[in-house]
Amino acid sequence: MASLGAENTATDQRPKTLADFDPPQKRKRNKFAFACTILASMTSMLLGYDIGVMSGAVIYIKKDLKISDVEVEVLVGIINLYSLFGAGAAGRTSDWIGRRYTIVLAGAIFFVGALLMGFATNYAFLMVGRFVAGIGAGYALMITPVYTAEVFINGGILLGCVSNYAFSKLPLQLGWRMMLGIGAIPPSC
């Protein structure tokens, strides 16, 4: 018993170095991946933001440009039709330059559309801005979910590989049943 207590005090008495007084290191986070995820999620909001802003701005647009009710209705609703063109072109563009750069392109196109709408002096110029913004919103609505889904799919593949290795150490009758059973659990559990 006495020798056990002496061993503990001997290890506690080791000389302290400068590194012993450093604060514990925080886990490094990949800021680039975090920023890409946030920006990818925010691009899905482009169309909703535009529709929300337009519902309030249309009152002032109608007075300033002296447009009719029918023109107001077309102006507000046409972005949904224009976004179809952007969504149609987004697939080829993402195959060509990649999903991440397509998301950047979508934001840039939408930004140019917003600038055109902001500087519009007549109804036709405003519709050109709506068209450009619609293209950008279509790009974003098409590619962002694909990009996000691919991130989760790759995470699932990685989890499957890790669980495959972990469950392969179990007895044969139990291992494959556990692998398939874990995969059948719905994500909401």
Protein backbone atom coordinates (compact mmCIF):
# COMPACT_ATOMS: atom_id res chain seq x y z
CA MET A 1 0.00 0.00 0.00
CA ALA A 2 2.73 2.43 0.92
CA SER A 3 4.58 1.78 -2.33
CA LEU A 4 1.40 2.45 -4.35
CA GLY A 5 1.01 5.88 -2.76
CA ALA A 6 4.66 6.65 -3.40
CA GLU A 7 4.29 5.85 -7.11
CA ASN A 8 1.34 8.25 -7.49
CA THR A 9 3.20 11.10 -5.84
CA ALA A 10 6.28 10.40 -7.95
CA THR A 11 4.32 10.78 -11.19
CA ASP A 12 2.62 13.94 -9.93
CA GLN A 13 6.01 15.49 -9.14
CA ARG A 14 7.34 15.43 -12.70
CA PRO A 15 8.78 18.78 -13.80
CA LYS A 16 6.23 21.02 -15.49
CA THR A 17 6.96 22.38 -18.93
CA LEU A 18 5.67 25.51 -20.61
CA ALA A 19 3.22 23.40 -22.66
CA ASP A 20 1.48 22.27 -19.44
CA PHE A 21 0.27 25.83 -18.85
CA ASP A 22 -1.22 26.33 -22.34
CA PRO A 23 -5.02 26.39 -22.53
CA PRO A 24 -6.62 23.32 -24.10
CA GLN A 25 -6.71 23.52 -27.88
CA LYS A 26 -10.07 24.10 -29.51
CA ARG A 27 -11.17 21.79 -32.26
CA LYS A 28 -10.33 23.24 -35.66
CA ARG A 29 -13.36 23.83 -37.81
CA ASN A 30 -13.31 23.93 -41.55
CA LYS A 31 -14.47 27.50 -42.08
CA PHE A 32 -14.58 27.10 -45.85
CA ALA A 33 -16.99 24.13 -45.67
CA PHE A 34 -19.12 25.98 -43.12
CA ALA A 35 -19.27 29.09 -45.34
CA CYS A 36 -20.18 26.98 -48.39
CA THR A 37 -22.99 25.32 -46.48
CA ILE A 38 -24.39 28.62 -45.23
CA LEU A 39 -24.20 30.24 -48.66
CA ALA A 40 -25.74 27.21 -50.36
CA SER A 41 -28.62 27.30 -47.91
CA MET A 42 -29.12 31.03 -48.37
CA THR A 43 -29.36 30.83 -52.15
CA SER A 44 -32.56 28.84 -51.80
CA MET A 45 -34.07 31.91 -50.18
CA LEU A 46 -33.55 34.11 -53.26
CA LEU A 47 -36.93 33.49 -54.82
CA GLY A 48 -38.81 33.78 -51.54
CA TYR A 49 -37.00 37.00 -50.68
CA ASP A 50 -37.77 38.44 -54.09
CA ILE A 51 -41.46 37.59 -53.84
CA GLY A 52 -41.64 39.02 -50.32
CA VAL A 53 -39.91 42.26 -51.26
CA MET A 54 -41.92 42.64 -54.43
CA SER A 55 -45.22 42.41 -52.54
CA GLY A 56 -44.35 45.61 -50.66
CA ALA A 57 -42.44 47.37 -53.43
CA VAL A 58 -45.18 46.90 -56.01
CA ILE A 59 -47.27 49.64 -54.36
CA TYR A 60 -44.53 52.20 -55.01
CA ILE A 61 -43.64 50.76 -58.43
CA LYS A 62 -47.25 51.14 -59.56
CA LYS A 63 -47.32 54.80 -58.53
CA ASP A 64 -43.85 55.66 -59.86
CA LEU A 65 -44.06 53.94 -63.23
CA LYS A 66 -47.83 54.46 -63.59
CA ILE A 67 -48.55 50.87 -64.59
CA SER A 68 -51.92 49.09 -64.67
CA ASP A 69 -53.12 46.32 -62.36
CA VAL A 70 -52.57 43.72 -65.08
CA GLU A 71 -48.96 44.86 -65.51
CA VAL A 72 -48.48 44.64 -61.75
CA GLU A 73 -49.83 41.08 -61.75
CA VAL A 74 -47.55 40.07 -64.61
CA LEU A 75 -44.58 41.79 -62.96
CA VAL A 76 -45.05 39.93 -59.67
CA GLY A 77 -45.87 36.50 -61.08
CA ILE A 78 -43.56 36.30 -64.08
CA ILE A 79 -40.46 35.50 -62.02
CA ASN A 80 -41.80 32.00 -61.43
CA LEU A 81 -41.96 31.45 -65.18
CA TYR A 82 -38.54 33.01 -65.74
CA SER A 83 -37.00 30.79 -63.07
CA LEU A 84 -37.91 27.79 -65.23
CA PHE A 85 -35.37 28.97 -67.81
CA GLY A 86 -32.68 29.22 -65.16
CA ALA A 87 -33.55 25.81 -63.76
CA GLY A 88 -33.40 24.34 -67.26
CA ALA A 89 -29.92 25.72 -67.87
CA ALA A 90 -28.57 24.95 -64.41
CA GLY A 91 -28.01 21.24 -64.97
CA ARG A 92 -25.72 21.69 -67.97
CA THR A 93 -23.92 24.57 -66.29
CA SER A 94 -23.27 22.55 -63.13
CA ASP A 95 -21.91 19.67 -65.19
CA TRP A 96 -19.64 22.10 -66.98
CA ILE A 97 -18.27 24.25 -64.12
CA GLY A 98 -19.32 22.30 -61.03
CA ARG A 99 -22.10 22.72 -58.48
CA ARG A 100 -20.30 25.12 -56.17
CA TYR A 101 -19.42 27.56 -58.94
CA THR A 102 -22.93 27.27 -60.34
CA ILE A 103 -24.26 28.42 -56.96
CA VAL A 104 -21.88 31.40 -57.12
CA LEU A 105 -23.04 32.10 -60.66
CA ALA A 106 -26.68 31.96 -59.53
CA GLY A 107 -26.02 34.56 -56.85
CA ALA A 108 -24.18 36.79 -59.31
CA ILE A 109 -26.97 36.57 -61.90
CA PHE A 110 -29.59 37.34 -59.27
CA PHE A 111 -27.53 40.29 -58.05
CA VAL A 112 -27.31 41.71 -61.58
CA GLY A 113 -31.08 41.25 -61.92
CA ALA A 114 -31.64 43.11 -58.65
CA LEU A 115 -29.44 45.96 -59.87
CA LEU A 116 -31.34 46.14 -63.16
CA MET A 117 -34.66 46.26 -61.31
CA GLY A 118 -33.34 48.93 -58.97
CA PHE A 119 -32.25 51.17 -61.83
CA ALA A 120 -35.35 50.55 -63.96
CA THR A 121 -36.90 53.68 -65.43
CA ASN A 122 -39.83 52.05 -67.21
CA TYR A 123 -41.88 48.86 -67.24
CA ALA A 124 -39.86 47.16 -70.02
CA PHE A 125 -36.56 47.76 -68.21
CA LEU A 126 -38.10 46.43 -65.01
CA MET A 127 -39.23 43.28 -66.83
CA VAL A 128 -35.68 42.74 -68.14
CA GLY A 129 -34.45 42.92 -64.54
CA ARG A 130 -37.15 40.45 -63.49
CA PHE A 131 -36.04 38.12 -66.27
CA VAL A 132 -32.39 38.19 -65.18
CA ALA A 133 -33.34 37.78 -61.51
CA GLY A 134 -35.62 34.89 -62.46
CA ILE A 135 -32.75 33.14 -64.25
CA GLY A 136 -30.60 33.48 -61.14
CA ALA A 137 -33.37 32.24 -58.85
CA GLY A 138 -33.96 29.26 -61.14
CA TYR A 139 -30.29 28.36 -61.06
CA ALA A 140 -30.28 28.55 -57.27
CA LEU A 141 -33.46 26.56 -56.82
CA MET A 142 -32.18 23.80 -59.09
CA ILE A 143 -28.59 23.40 -57.93
CA THR A 144 -28.62 24.16 -54.20
CA PRO A 145 -30.72 21.13 -53.20
CA VAL A 146 -28.56 18.91 -55.42
CA TYR A 147 -25.38 20.25 -53.83
CA THR A 148 -26.77 19.86 -50.30
CA ALA A 149 -28.08 16.36 -51.05
CA GLU A 150 -24.69 15.29 -52.38
CA VAL A 151 -23.05 16.42 -49.16
CA PHE A 152 -25.50 14.32 -47.13
CA ILE A 153 -25.19 11.34 -49.49
CA ASN A 154 -21.41 11.41 -49.15
CA GLY A 155 -21.80 11.63 -45.37
CA GLY A 156 -24.09 8.59 -45.46
CA ILE A 157 -21.61 6.65 -47.57
CA LEU A 158 -18.85 7.47 -45.10
CA LEU A 159 -21.06 6.41 -42.18
CA GLY A 160 -21.89 3.17 -44.00
CA CYS A 161 -18.21 2.39 -44.57
CA VAL A 162 -17.39 3.05 -40.93
CA SER A 163 -20.29 0.92 -39.70
CA ASN A 164 -19.32 -1.82 -42.17
CA TYR A 165 -15.91 -1.99 -40.60
CA ALA A 166 -17.29 -1.83 -37.06
CA PHE A 167 -19.95 -4.49 -37.58
CA SER A 168 -17.60 -6.79 -39.48
CA LYS A 169 -15.93 -7.52 -36.14
CA LEU A 170 -19.17 -9.03 -34.78
CA PRO A 171 -20.09 -12.72 -35.20
CA LEU A 172 -21.30 -13.53 -38.72
CA GLN A 173 -24.98 -14.04 -37.83
CA LEU A 174 -25.17 -10.76 -35.95
CA GLY A 175 -22.93 -8.50 -38.05
CA TRP A 176 -24.85 -8.31 -41.33
CA ARG A 177 -28.19 -8.11 -39.50
CA MET A 178 -26.92 -5.10 -37.54
CA MET A 179 -25.64 -3.45 -40.74
CA LEU A 180 -28.99 -3.76 -42.47
CA GLY A 181 -30.97 -2.93 -39.33
CA ILE A 182 -29.13 0.34 -38.75
CA GLY A 183 -29.73 1.35 -42.37
CA ALA A 184 -33.49 0.79 -41.98
CA ILE A 185 -33.85 3.28 -39.10
CA PRO A 186 -35.60 6.43 -40.40
CA PRO A 187 -33.58 9.65 -40.04
CA SER A 188 -36.21 11.13 -37.69
CA CYS A 189 -35.42 8.56 -34.97
